[in-house]
């Protein structure tokens, strides 16, 4: 049983809430475009352009909601039983990383026990997406930590989990700093579990230009390798989410 009770369609509703500015802009554009098509005698080329634009914008808005439902409401992404399969050997010490919206430390505690650390790595200078600020405003956010200098002893942890968070570090050098710090905190043979959307075809089909907010698989492998990690295993959690498990040699 999931250790966190989730309401029906909670994931999809949260996506709409956190990105309400985008969805309101879509509704406004569609309304204006339809009004122009109905009440003005537009040139055929302009009419066709508006129709195509409405169809494209409408498609990606609906497709993104369907993908969000599949990932956050219809999959096992919050299921402790699934989480227990991510690492073969149960870690005695582990940390969870998030950016103020912590949906995963509680279900992770089912198979792995309580977290030693639950790090909120939000940085207002580098994480400027309006959706993050809106999401944080709806939660009881505790003290943040600097991902450049994690409050952890060297080789202290056996596992670190990062669900849908590290892509928010947009600067490659800063992201490398974070990977270095995670590597420092992990003991030899420790595991880093990254769960992320990728910048790939399925996510482009679902999210359109929004998919460029994600990083391609090659960038995750590069960032991990620069900090000395080796890819241990990877798998898909739905067509839109990739799970990558790295180990520290």
Protein backbone atom coordinates (compact mmCIF):
# COMPACT_ATOMS: atom_id res chain seq x y z
CA UNK A 1 0.00 0.00 0.00
CA UNK A 2 1.23 3.46 -0.78
CA UNK A 3 2.41 5.36 2.29
CA UNK A 4 1.00 8.57 0.87
CA UNK A 5 -2.70 8.78 0.16
CA UNK A 6 -3.22 10.42 -3.22
CA UNK A 7 -6.50 11.73 -4.51
CA UNK A 8 -7.96 10.72 -7.85
CA UNK A 9 -6.34 12.74 -10.67
CA UNK A 10 -4.14 14.54 -8.11
CA UNK A 11 -1.06 14.44 -10.33
CA UNK A 12 -2.81 15.87 -13.39
CA UNK A 13 -4.55 18.55 -11.33
CA UNK A 14 -1.23 19.60 -9.80
CA UNK A 15 0.35 19.89 -13.24
CA UNK A 16 -2.47 22.23 -14.30
CA UNK A 17 -2.18 24.23 -11.07
CA UNK A 18 1.59 24.65 -11.24
CA UNK A 19 1.47 25.56 -14.96
CA UNK A 20 -1.76 27.52 -14.88
CA UNK A 21 -0.14 30.53 -16.60
CA UNK A 22 0.57 28.38 -19.66
CA UNK A 23 -2.87 26.81 -19.82
CA UNK A 24 -4.58 30.18 -19.36
CA UNK A 25 -2.48 31.56 -22.21
CA UNK A 26 -3.61 28.65 -24.39
CA UNK A 27 -7.28 29.22 -23.54
CA UNK A 28 -6.91 32.93 -24.27
CA UNK A 29 -5.19 32.32 -27.61
CA UNK A 30 -7.77 29.77 -28.72
CA UNK A 31 -10.64 32.05 -27.72
CA UNK A 32 -9.18 35.01 -29.62
CA UNK A 33 -8.40 32.90 -32.68
CA UNK A 34 -11.90 31.43 -32.84
CA UNK A 35 -13.38 34.91 -32.42
CA UNK A 36 -11.32 36.22 -35.32
CA UNK A 37 -12.34 33.28 -37.51
CA UNK A 38 -16.03 33.67 -36.72
CA UNK A 39 -16.48 37.42 -36.84
CA UNK A 40 -13.89 38.75 -39.29
CA UNK A 41 -13.52 38.20 -43.00
CA UNK A 42 -9.89 37.15 -42.94
CA UNK A 43 -7.74 36.32 -45.96
CA UNK A 44 -7.71 32.55 -46.63
CA UNK A 45 -4.03 32.17 -45.78
CA UNK A 46 -4.51 33.89 -42.43
CA UNK A 47 -7.60 31.82 -41.66
CA UNK A 48 -5.71 28.62 -42.49
CA UNK A 49 -2.78 29.73 -40.31
CA UNK A 50 -5.08 30.38 -37.36
CA UNK A 51 -6.84 27.02 -37.78
CA UNK A 52 -3.52 25.17 -37.89
CA UNK A 53 -2.22 27.11 -34.88
CA UNK A 54 -5.36 26.35 -32.85
CA UNK A 55 -5.11 22.66 -33.74
CA UNK A 56 -1.42 22.44 -32.84
CA UNK A 57 -1.75 24.35 -29.57
CA UNK A 58 -4.89 22.45 -28.63
CA UNK A 59 -3.30 19.11 -29.45
CA UNK A 60 -0.20 19.70 -27.33
CA UNK A 61 -2.27 21.01 -24.42
CA UNK A 62 -4.45 17.91 -24.41
CA UNK A 63 -1.54 15.55 -25.14
CA UNK A 64 0.49 16.97 -22.25
CA UNK A 65 -2.41 16.39 -19.86
CA UNK A 66 -2.85 12.83 -21.08
CA UNK A 67 0.87 12.16 -20.63
CA UNK A 68 0.77 13.71 -17.16
CA UNK A 69 -2.16 11.49 -16.25
CA UNK A 70 -0.30 8.41 -17.48
CA UNK A 71 2.82 9.26 -15.48
CA UNK A 72 1.45 10.75 -12.27
CA UNK A 73 -1.95 9.11 -11.89
CA UNK A 74 -2.06 5.85 -13.86
CA UNK A 75 1.46 4.48 -13.32
CA UNK A 76 3.19 2.99 -10.27
CA UNK A 77 5.46 6.02 -9.86
CA UNK A 78 4.35 6.46 -6.20
CA UNK A 79 4.14 2.74 -5.41
CA UNK A 80 6.58 1.59 -2.67
CA UNK A 81 6.55 -1.90 -4.18
CA UNK A 82 7.91 -0.56 -7.47
CA UNK A 83 10.39 1.65 -5.65
CA UNK A 84 11.73 -1.38 -3.84
CA UNK A 85 12.88 -2.82 -7.17
CA UNK A 86 15.10 0.16 -8.00
CA UNK A 87 18.02 -1.01 -5.86
CA UNK A 88 18.86 -4.68 -5.35
CA UNK A 89 20.51 -4.28 -1.93
CA UNK A 90 18.48 -2.29 0.60
CA UNK A 91 20.53 0.77 1.63
CA UNK A 92 20.88 1.43 5.36
CA UNK A 93 21.46 5.15 4.78
CA UNK A 94 19.92 7.17 1.98
CA UNK A 95 18.85 10.67 0.99
CA UNK A 96 16.06 12.10 -1.11
CA UNK A 97 16.54 15.21 -3.24
CA UNK A 98 13.70 17.53 -4.26
CA UNK A 99 13.03 21.20 -4.96
CA UNK A 100 10.37 21.85 -2.34
CA UNK A 101 7.67 19.49 -3.61
CA UNK A 102 8.48 16.23 -1.85
CA UNK A 103 6.16 13.48 -3.08
CA UNK A 104 8.62 10.62 -2.87
CA UNK A 105 10.41 10.42 0.50
CA UNK A 106 7.40 8.82 2.20
CA UNK A 107 6.77 6.04 -0.32
CA UNK A 108 10.53 5.46 -0.53
CA UNK A 109 10.59 4.89 3.22
CA UNK A 110 8.37 1.84 2.70
CA UNK A 111 11.04 -0.40 1.16
CA UNK A 112 14.11 1.47 2.44
CA UNK A 113 13.21 2.80 5.88
CA UNK A 114 13.36 6.47 6.93
CA UNK A 115 15.63 8.79 4.97
CA UNK A 116 18.71 10.10 6.71
CA UNK A 117 18.42 13.31 4.71
CA UNK A 118 15.59 14.93 2.78
CA UNK A 119 17.24 17.75 0.84
CA UNK A 120 15.37 20.66 -0.71
CA UNK A 121 17.93 22.01 -3.20
CA UNK A 122 15.85 24.87 -4.56
CA UNK A 123 17.99 27.83 -5.63
CA UNK A 124 16.10 30.96 -6.64
CA UNK A 125 18.99 32.18 -8.80
CA UNK A 126 19.18 29.07 -10.98
CA UNK A 127 15.63 27.62 -10.76
CA UNK A 128 13.45 30.38 -12.15
CA UNK A 129 10.56 28.43 -13.68
CA UNK A 130 7.22 29.95 -12.54
CA UNK A 131 5.85 26.43 -12.06
CA UNK A 132 8.43 25.71 -9.33
CA UNK A 133 7.61 28.89 -7.44
CA UNK A 134 3.89 28.18 -7.72
CA UNK A 135 4.37 24.59 -6.54
CA UNK A 136 6.49 25.67 -3.57
CA UNK A 137 3.84 28.18 -2.54
CA UNK A 138 1.35 25.34 -2.05
CA UNK A 139 3.57 23.21 0.19
CA UNK A 140 5.09 23.52 3.65
CA UNK A 141 8.65 24.03 2.49
CA UNK A 142 11.39 23.59 5.07
CA UNK A 143 14.99 24.76 5.06
CA UNK A 144 16.83 24.51 1.76
CA UNK A 145 20.37 23.26 1.30
CA UNK A 146 23.06 24.28 -1.18
CA UNK A 147 23.43 21.57 -3.82
CA UNK A 148 27.01 22.80 -4.32
CA UNK A 149 27.85 21.78 -0.74
CA UNK A 150 25.49 19.14 0.58
CA UNK A 151 25.37 18.81 4.40
CA UNK A 152 26.68 15.28 4.47
CA UNK A 153 29.86 13.49 5.49
CA UNK A 154 32.05 11.95 2.80
CA UNK A 155 31.06 8.34 1.99
CA UNK A 156 28.13 8.58 4.44
CA UNK A 157 25.28 7.34 2.25
CA UNK A 158 24.51 4.14 0.40
CA UNK A 159 21.89 5.63 -1.92
CA UNK A 160 20.57 8.96 -3.19
CA UNK A 161 17.20 9.31 -4.95
CA UNK A 162 16.39 12.22 -7.25
CA UNK A 163 12.90 12.19 -8.80
CA UNK A 164 12.12 14.89 -11.40
CA UNK A 165 14.43 17.48 -9.85
CA UNK A 166 17.98 17.58 -11.21
CA UNK A 167 16.84 18.86 -14.62
CA UNK A 168 15.92 22.10 -12.87
CA UNK A 169 19.63 22.89 -12.49
CA UNK A 170 19.85 24.49 -15.91
CA UNK A 171 23.54 25.41 -15.89
CA UNK A 172 25.73 22.45 -16.88
CA UNK A 173 28.63 23.44 -14.61
CA UNK A 174 26.34 23.81 -11.61
CA UNK A 175 24.70 20.48 -12.39
CA UNK A 176 28.19 18.97 -12.46
CA UNK A 177 28.83 20.48 -9.01
CA UNK A 178 25.71 18.73 -7.75
CA UNK A 179 26.78 15.38 -9.20
CA UNK A 180 30.20 15.83 -7.60
CA UNK A 181 28.61 16.46 -4.22
CA UNK A 182 26.35 13.42 -4.54
CA UNK A 183 29.40 11.34 -5.44
CA UNK A 184 31.23 12.66 -2.38
CA UNK A 185 28.32 11.76 -0.10
CA UNK A 186 28.00 8.23 -1.49
CA UNK A 187 30.13 5.39 -0.21
CA UNK A 188 31.90 3.15 -2.75
CA UNK A 189 29.28 1.03 -4.55
CA UNK A 190 26.63 3.55 -3.49
CA UNK A 191 23.71 4.11 -5.85
CA UNK A 192 22.30 7.25 -7.44
CA UNK A 193 18.75 6.79 -8.76
CA UNK A 194 17.58 9.43 -11.23
CA UNK A 195 13.98 9.48 -12.48
CA UNK A 196 13.35 12.04 -15.22
CA UNK A 197 11.50 12.91 -18.38
CA UNK A 198 13.90 12.94 -21.33
CA UNK A 199 14.19 15.23 -24.29
CA UNK A 200 13.18 12.53 -26.76
CA UNK A 201 10.51 11.73 -29.33
CA UNK A 202 7.77 10.46 -26.97
CA UNK A 203 8.08 13.54 -24.76
CA UNK A 204 8.15 15.85 -27.78
CA UNK A 205 4.96 14.22 -29.09
CA UNK A 206 3.36 14.74 -25.66
CA UNK A 207 4.75 18.09 -24.56
CA UNK A 208 5.88 19.78 -27.76
CA UNK A 209 8.33 22.64 -27.18
CA UNK A 210 7.97 22.01 -23.44
CA UNK A 211 10.06 18.86 -23.89
CA UNK A 212 13.13 21.06 -24.37
CA UNK A 213 12.95 21.81 -20.64
CA UNK A 214 14.13 18.22 -20.15
CA UNK A 215 17.64 16.95 -20.84
CA UNK A 216 18.49 14.22 -23.35
CA UNK A 217 19.71 10.85 -22.13
CA UNK A 218 23.21 11.62 -23.39
CA UNK A 219 23.43 14.66 -21.11
CA UNK A 220 22.54 12.60 -18.03
CA UNK A 221 25.14 9.99 -18.93
CA UNK A 222 27.74 12.70 -19.52
CA UNK A 223 27.04 14.49 -16.24
CA UNK A 224 27.18 11.25 -14.30
CA UNK A 225 30.37 10.07 -15.99
CA UNK A 226 32.16 13.36 -15.28
CA UNK A 227 31.60 12.72 -11.56
CA UNK A 228 32.83 9.14 -11.79
CA UNK A 229 29.49 7.34 -11.88
CA UNK A 230 28.86 4.27 -13.98
CA UNK A 231 25.44 3.34 -15.34
CA UNK A 232 24.27 0.20 -13.58
CA UNK A 233 20.83 -0.23 -15.12
CA UNK A 234 18.04 1.75 -16.71
CA UNK A 235 14.43 1.19 -17.59
CA UNK A 236 11.31 3.02 -18.69
CA UNK A 237 8.58 4.04 -16.28
CA UNK A 238 5.93 4.60 -18.96
CA UNK A 239 6.96 5.87 -22.39
CA UNK A 240 7.66 9.34 -20.97
CA UNK A 241 9.91 8.69 -17.96
CA UNK A 242 13.34 7.10 -17.75
CA UNK A 243 14.83 5.52 -14.62
CA UNK A 244 18.63 5.48 -14.48
CA UNK A 245 20.55 3.80 -11.67
CA UNK A 246 24.21 4.78 -11.37
CA UNK A 247 26.85 3.35 -9.06
CA UNK A 248 29.93 4.91 -7.54
CA UNK A 249 32.89 2.61 -8.23
